[in-house]
Structures are given as structure tokens and as C-alpha cells.
Amino acid sequence: MATRSTPTERQKRLGAEMRKMRLASAITTEYAAGLLGIDRTRLSNMESGIRPFSGDRIRTLASNYSCTDQDYVDALVAMAEDKSRGWWERHRGTLPTGLLDIAELEWHARRVRTAQVMHVPGLLQTEEYARAVFTAVLPALSRLEVELRVAHRMERQQVFSRPCPLPYLAYVHETALRMPYGGTETAHRQLEALIEQSERENIEVRVIPTHVDGFPGAGHALLYAHGPVTHLDTVQLDSAHGPEFTGAEAQLTKYRAQLDWMENAALSEAASRDLVRHVIREF
């Protein structure tokens, strides 16, 4: 099977899970490679996502690694056997790979929870609002770069119109509602669109009001993607250098706790819509 010069986050995650499974069983790379009839370098490349795993090889290794979680193994096999080419691949070579990895993560997620402090969540943004967000970055993007990012962000919203729409829960701090990206009229239309989206069956928007004392993880925009099994959940964080991804259990536990805190601190859906309407009237 061909090597990959730049494996996606999903491909790297599959390899990392197989490596984690091997280490948990205290089996060496040499021994595991021998089970598959390959050399240790090739297995190392598979565990780093540079070379693909086949479903049969995953089942062979999982059996020898004494992994008894069949749902977990089946989910890994499904990842390995999915050869479909997502819409985001059209943007490869014109957009940073991290943006494509976010789209792929959302597409395969069973559910997404997100927390935003400074702007409306990307999947709920209008085109003009998204354009204003991408314009307000340093170093400044060219007009073409901005438009490519806007087009990609709008295409990401396909997760809401597919046959099984993505269940989506957004915690939005009141501060984000009051940031007038693109000016008052753009912000006004964005908030009206946010209310409209929040009334869809699969989308829930909960606002954390400014009077709430304290805010864990306030400096981070957070996306928590639920996988087919908990072991394959993924957290994506925004940073100045691009998106960061983690599937480490300690980190997943921390961010689940952060989202649980937000669940308790946020207003109800109805009260959240009322607050958004109040902010609209103030613009």
C-alpha cells in the first residue's frame, strides 16, 4: 500500500490508537510486525499514519493484543476501510491542512459540542460574518485567501443538511454575541440567523451570560467531537498557529468536565434566544 506524505488527523489517529493498543499489551514493534509478516519500519509507519492499515490487519493485531472491546475494534476497522473522498479534499493544496482536518472531524462525528467566547461558532456563521472574522486576523490574509476560507466554512455546514443531520450543541458566551464583526448590520443579521438555527431540531444554542462568575478554559475555542465509541472522541482547540487535536484520555476527561460546567452555567435554550434578541435590540 502506498505511503502518505501528509496523513490527515483521522489517519494519524487510527495509527495512534493501534500503537496505544500495542503498548497496553506490552508487545514490541518487532513482534507485532512479525504477526503481519512485515518489517518493524513498515509497522512504525502504519502507526504514524504514513502507511494505511487494512481492516484484516487491525483485527489480527487486536486479537493478539488481547483487546476485548469489540465495539472499539469494529470502529477502528470502519475507519480503516472507509476509502471515501470527502468534499474537503477539493480544497487540499489551497487551504491549510488543519482546516480540512476540522471538516473531516465534523463529518465523521456522531455529535459535536463546542464552546466559543469571542465569536459565533463557525458552523453557525453567515457568509458575511465569516468573511469579517477571517479579515480580522494577523498577518492579514489576501482577498483570495479570505474567500477560500469563507467558501470552506460555508461548505462545512453540509453536516446539517445531510440525510442524518449532525447533532450540535453550542455554548456561546454573551461576549461573543456583542462582538460586532463586520459592523452593526452584519452582526445583527448574524444573531438573527443564530436564533433561526437554534430552532432546528438537531441544533441547540446555550448562552453563558456575562454575570456568571469565572469561566474555565476561557481563552480557548473548543470543539468536542463524539466518535462511534468514547475511545475515539476528539478535541480540537484553536490556536494562533492553527488547529490542535487531541484524543488523549486525560485531555478528553478535562474537556468533558469543562463542557459539563458550561451545561450548568448556561441559560436554557429559550432564555438563550431571549438574550440574543435582547442583544439584537441593543445594536
Protein backbone atom coordinates (compact mmCIF):
# COMPACT_ATOMS: atom_id res chain seq x y z
CA MET A 1 0.00 0.00 0.00
CA ALA A 2 1.26 3.47 -0.90
CA THR A 3 2.80 5.80 1.66
CA ARG A 4 1.27 9.17 2.53
CA SER A 5 3.45 12.25 2.66
CA THR A 6 0.91 14.18 4.76
CA PRO A 7 -1.54 11.91 6.58
CA THR A 8 -4.73 13.52 7.84
CA GLU A 9 -5.51 13.82 11.54
CA ARG A 10 -8.01 10.98 11.14
CA GLN A 11 -5.37 8.73 9.57
CA LYS A 12 -2.86 9.64 12.26
CA ARG A 13 -5.45 8.96 14.96
CA LEU A 14 -6.09 5.45 13.63
CA GLY A 15 -2.39 4.69 13.73
CA ALA A 16 -2.03 6.20 17.20
CA GLU A 17 -4.87 4.06 18.52
CA MET A 18 -3.21 0.91 17.19
CA ARG A 19 0.08 1.93 18.78
CA LYS A 20 -1.70 2.62 22.10
CA MET A 21 -3.34 -0.81 21.92
CA ARG A 22 0.04 -2.46 21.27
CA LEU A 23 1.76 -0.67 24.15
CA ALA A 24 -1.08 -1.58 26.52
CA SER A 25 -0.42 -5.24 25.71
CA ALA A 26 3.36 -4.83 26.22
CA ILE A 27 4.05 -6.23 22.74
CA THR A 28 7.14 -4.97 20.88
CA THR A 29 7.12 -3.47 17.42
CA GLU A 30 9.23 -6.37 16.16
CA TYR A 31 6.81 -8.99 17.46
CA ALA A 32 3.73 -7.18 16.14
CA ALA A 33 5.34 -6.70 12.74
CA GLY A 34 6.10 -10.41 12.65
CA LEU A 35 2.41 -11.19 13.19
CA LEU A 36 1.69 -9.35 9.94
CA GLY A 37 4.72 -10.63 8.04
CA ILE A 38 6.21 -7.15 7.61
CA ASP A 39 9.28 -5.36 8.95
CA ARG A 40 9.19 -3.11 12.01
CA THR A 41 9.76 0.06 9.96
CA ARG A 42 6.61 -0.57 7.98
CA LEU A 43 4.58 -1.13 11.14
CA SER A 44 6.01 2.06 12.64
CA ASN A 45 4.91 3.92 9.51
CA MET A 46 1.45 2.41 9.87
CA GLU A 47 1.25 3.52 13.50
CA SER A 48 2.20 7.06 12.48
CA GLY A 49 -0.41 7.20 9.72
CA ILE A 50 2.14 7.28 6.91
CA ARG A 51 1.01 3.86 5.72
CA PRO A 52 -2.60 2.65 5.91
CA PHE A 53 -3.93 -0.22 7.98
CA SER A 54 -6.33 -2.75 6.47
CA GLY A 55 -9.31 -3.97 8.42
CA ASP A 56 -7.96 -7.53 8.47
CA ARG A 57 -4.64 -6.38 9.93
CA ILE A 58 -6.41 -4.40 12.63
CA ARG A 59 -8.41 -7.48 13.65
CA THR A 60 -5.28 -9.66 13.64
CA LEU A 61 -3.37 -7.24 15.84
CA ALA A 62 -6.33 -6.53 18.16
CA SER A 63 -6.74 -10.27 18.75
CA ASN A 64 -3.05 -10.70 19.58
CA TYR A 65 -3.11 -7.55 21.70
CA SER A 66 -5.91 -9.17 23.75
CA CYS A 67 -8.27 -6.27 23.10
CA THR A 68 -11.74 -7.42 24.16
CA ASP A 69 -13.64 -4.22 23.33
CA GLN A 70 -15.30 -5.37 20.11
CA ASP A 71 -17.13 -2.07 19.51
CA TYR A 72 -13.78 -0.26 19.67
CA VAL A 73 -12.16 -2.72 17.24
CA ASP A 74 -15.12 -2.50 14.86
CA ALA A 75 -14.90 1.30 14.90
CA LEU A 76 -11.19 1.17 14.04
CA VAL A 77 -11.87 -1.28 11.21
CA ALA A 78 -14.57 1.04 9.86
CA MET A 79 -12.09 3.93 9.90
CA ALA A 80 -9.53 1.85 8.01
CA GLU A 81 -11.99 0.61 5.40
CA ASP A 82 -13.57 3.99 4.67
CA LYS A 83 -11.99 4.98 1.36
CA SER A 84 -14.48 7.73 0.51
CA ARG A 85 -13.15 11.08 -0.63
CA GLY A 86 -14.77 13.92 1.30
CA TRP A 87 -15.79 17.25 -0.23
CA TRP A 88 -13.00 18.96 1.74
CA GLU A 89 -10.38 17.24 -0.42
CA ARG A 90 -11.21 19.73 -3.19
CA HIS A 91 -9.52 22.35 -1.02
CA ARG A 92 -6.29 20.40 -0.48
CA GLY A 93 -3.37 22.47 -1.70
CA THR A 94 -5.27 25.76 -1.41
CA LEU A 95 -6.10 25.78 2.31
CA PRO A 96 -4.13 24.80 5.42
CA THR A 97 -4.50 21.09 6.15
CA GLY A 98 -5.76 21.85 9.65
CA LEU A 99 -8.94 23.39 8.24
CA LEU A 100 -9.56 20.27 6.17
CA ASP A 101 -9.00 18.11 9.24
CA ILE A 102 -11.70 20.06 11.11
CA ALA A 103 -14.18 19.46 8.28
CA GLU A 104 -13.35 15.74 8.24
CA LEU A 105 -13.68 15.55 12.03
CA GLU A 106 -17.12 17.15 11.96
CA TRP A 107 -18.30 14.98 9.07
CA HIS A 108 -17.50 11.72 10.86
CA ALA A 109 -18.59 12.84 14.34
CA ARG A 110 -21.68 11.30 15.92
CA ARG A 111 -22.26 14.51 17.87
CA VAL A 112 -20.42 17.81 18.32
CA ARG A 113 -20.26 20.11 21.32
CA THR A 114 -18.48 23.43 21.00
CA ALA A 115 -17.66 26.41 23.22
CA GLN A 116 -16.97 29.88 21.85
CA VAL A 117 -16.06 33.08 23.67
CA MET A 118 -15.16 35.66 21.02
CA HIS A 119 -17.40 34.89 18.05
CA VAL A 120 -20.35 32.81 16.91
CA PRO A 121 -19.40 29.15 16.23
CA GLY A 122 -18.12 28.58 12.69
CA LEU A 123 -20.84 26.11 11.72
CA LEU A 124 -23.49 28.72 12.59
CA GLN A 125 -21.89 31.72 10.88
CA THR A 126 -23.36 33.64 7.98
CA GLU A 127 -21.18 34.24 4.95
CA GLU A 128 -20.67 37.95 5.61
CA TYR A 129 -19.93 37.37 9.30
CA ALA A 130 -17.39 34.65 8.45
CA ARG A 131 -15.76 37.00 5.97
CA ALA A 132 -15.40 39.63 8.70
CA VAL A 133 -13.88 37.07 11.09
CA PHE A 134 -11.27 35.98 8.54
CA THR A 135 -10.48 39.58 7.68
CA ALA A 136 -9.68 40.36 11.33
CA VAL A 137 -6.52 38.22 11.54
CA LEU A 138 -2.79 38.91 11.66
CA PRO A 139 -0.87 38.62 9.47
CA ALA A 140 -3.58 39.80 7.13
CA LEU A 141 -4.89 37.31 4.57
CA SER A 142 -5.17 38.20 0.90
CA ARG A 143 -8.64 38.64 -0.55
CA LEU A 144 -8.33 35.27 -2.27
CA GLU A 145 -7.30 33.53 0.95
CA VAL A 146 -10.23 35.06 2.79
CA GLU A 147 -12.71 33.97 0.12
CA LEU A 148 -11.32 30.42 0.05
CA ARG A 149 -11.76 30.16 3.82
CA VAL A 150 -15.27 31.59 3.67
CA ALA A 151 -16.28 29.10 0.96
CA HIS A 152 -14.84 26.24 3.01
CA ARG A 153 -16.67 27.38 6.15
CA MET A 154 -19.97 27.56 4.30
CA GLU A 155 -19.43 24.07 2.87
CA ARG A 156 -18.81 22.73 6.37
CA GLN A 157 -22.46 23.44 7.09
CA GLN A 158 -23.37 20.46 4.89
CA VAL A 159 -23.33 18.40 8.10
CA PHE A 160 -26.73 19.94 8.90
CA SER A 161 -28.35 19.09 5.55
CA ARG A 162 -27.14 15.53 5.05
CA PRO A 163 -29.61 12.59 5.48
CA CYS A 164 -28.64 12.25 9.17
CA PRO A 165 -28.02 15.85 10.34
CA LEU A 166 -25.24 16.31 12.87
CA PRO A 167 -26.48 16.78 16.47
CA TYR A 168 -24.83 20.03 17.53
CA LEU A 169 -24.67 21.81 20.88
CA ALA A 170 -23.02 25.24 21.05
CA TYR A 171 -22.15 27.05 24.26
CA VAL A 172 -21.66 30.71 23.37
CA HIS A 173 -20.51 33.33 25.83
CA GLU A 174 -22.50 36.56 25.82
CA THR A 175 -19.30 38.41 24.91
CA ALA A 176 -19.33 36.69 21.50
CA LEU A 177 -22.84 37.98 20.84
CA ARG A 178 -21.71 41.54 21.45
CA MET A 179 -18.64 41.48 19.20
CA PRO A 180 -19.80 43.38 16.05
CA TYR A 181 -17.71 41.58 13.43
CA GLY A 182 -18.33 43.26 10.10
CA GLY A 183 -20.24 46.14 11.69
CA THR A 184 -23.63 46.50 13.32
CA GLU A 185 -25.76 45.33 10.38
CA THR A 186 -23.66 42.21 9.78
CA ALA A 187 -23.72 41.35 13.49
CA HIS A 188 -27.48 41.97 13.60
CA ARG A 189 -28.11 39.56 10.72
CA GLN A 190 -25.77 37.01 12.26
CA LEU A 191 -27.66 36.99 15.54
CA GLU A 192 -30.99 36.65 13.74
CA ALA A 193 -29.55 33.68 11.84
CA LEU A 194 -28.28 32.23 15.12
CA ILE A 195 -31.81 32.30 16.55
CA GLU A 196 -33.18 30.67 13.41
CA GLN A 197 -30.56 27.91 13.50
CA SER A 198 -31.16 27.28 17.21
CA GLU A 199 -34.77 26.40 16.47
CA ARG A 200 -33.77 23.41 14.34
CA GLU A 201 -34.29 20.03 15.97
CA ASN A 202 -30.63 18.98 15.84
CA ILE A 203 -29.08 22.31 16.89
CA GLU A 204 -29.00 23.62 20.45
CA VAL A 205 -27.55 27.01 21.38
CA ARG A 206 -26.93 27.84 25.04
CA VAL A 207 -25.64 31.25 26.09
CA ILE A 208 -23.38 31.77 29.11
CA PRO A 209 -24.25 35.25 30.44
CA THR A 210 -21.55 37.70 31.47
CA HIS A 211 -22.71 37.74 35.08
CA VAL A 212 -21.51 34.14 35.58
CA ASP A 213 -18.55 34.23 37.94
CA GLY A 214 -15.50 32.56 36.42
CA PHE A 215 -15.14 30.61 33.21
CA PRO A 216 -12.85 27.55 32.92
CA GLY A 217 -10.84 27.45 29.73
CA ALA A 218 -11.99 30.96 28.83
CA GLY A 219 -9.07 31.53 26.50
CA HIS A 220 -9.85 28.60 24.20
CA ALA A 221 -12.35 27.92 21.48
CA LEU A 222 -13.24 24.27 21.97
CA LEU A 223 -14.76 21.63 19.70
CA TYR A 224 -15.55 18.22 21.18
CA ALA A 225 -16.38 15.60 18.55
CA HIS A 226 -18.00 12.42 19.82
CA GLY A 227 -16.81 9.34 17.95
CA PRO A 228 -18.57 6.00 17.42
CA VAL A 229 -17.08 4.92 20.78
CA THR A 230 -15.78 7.09 23.63
CA HIS A 231 -12.20 5.95 22.97
CA LEU A 232 -12.38 7.76 19.62
CA ASP A 233 -13.67 11.11 20.85
CA THR A 234 -11.53 14.04 19.71
CA VAL A 235 -10.97 17.57 20.99
CA GLN A 236 -9.97 20.37 18.64
CA LEU A 237 -8.64 23.65 20.01
CA ASP A 238 -7.95 26.86 18.14
CA SER A 239 -4.50 28.41 18.48
CA ALA A 240 -2.52 31.20 16.86
CA HIS A 241 -0.63 28.55 14.88
CA GLY A 242 -3.69 26.69 13.64
CA PRO A 243 -5.99 23.98 14.99
CA GLU A 244 -4.70 21.47 17.52
CA PHE A 245 -6.18 18.00 18.01
CA THR A 246 -6.02 15.57 20.91
CA GLY A 247 -7.54 12.22 21.74
CA ALA A 248 -5.59 11.61 24.95
CA GLU A 249 -7.92 10.29 27.65
CA ALA A 250 -6.70 12.75 30.29
CA GLN A 251 -7.42 15.66 27.95
CA LEU A 252 -10.80 14.27 26.91
CA THR A 253 -11.76 13.93 30.57
CA LYS A 254 -10.72 17.51 31.27
CA TYR A 255 -12.70 18.96 28.39
CA ARG A 256 -15.75 16.85 29.15
CA ALA A 257 -15.67 18.35 32.64
CA GLN A 258 -15.35 21.84 31.15
CA LEU A 259 -18.40 21.26 28.95
CA ASP A 260 -20.32 19.85 31.91
CA TRP A 261 -19.56 23.09 33.77
CA MET A 262 -20.93 25.05 30.84
CA GLU A 263 -24.07 22.93 30.80
CA ASN A 264 -24.76 24.01 34.37
CA ALA A 265 -23.77 27.67 33.87
CA ALA A 266 -25.54 28.33 30.56
CA LEU A 267 -29.06 29.65 30.17
CA SER A 268 -31.81 27.38 28.87
CA GLU A 269 -32.45 27.28 25.13
CA ALA A 270 -35.46 29.59 25.43
CA ALA A 271 -33.67 32.03 27.74
CA SER A 272 -30.66 31.98 25.43
CA ARG A 273 -32.81 33.01 22.46
CA ASP A 274 -34.34 35.78 24.58
CA LEU A 275 -30.86 37.10 25.43
CA VAL A 276 -29.83 37.02 21.77
CA ARG A 277 -32.94 39.03 20.89
CA HIS A 278 -32.08 41.50 23.65
CA VAL A 279 -28.57 41.97 22.23
CA ILE A 280 -30.05 42.49 18.75
CA ARG A 281 -32.22 45.31 20.07
CA GLU A 282 -29.15 46.94 21.61
CA PHE A 283 -27.22 47.11 18.31
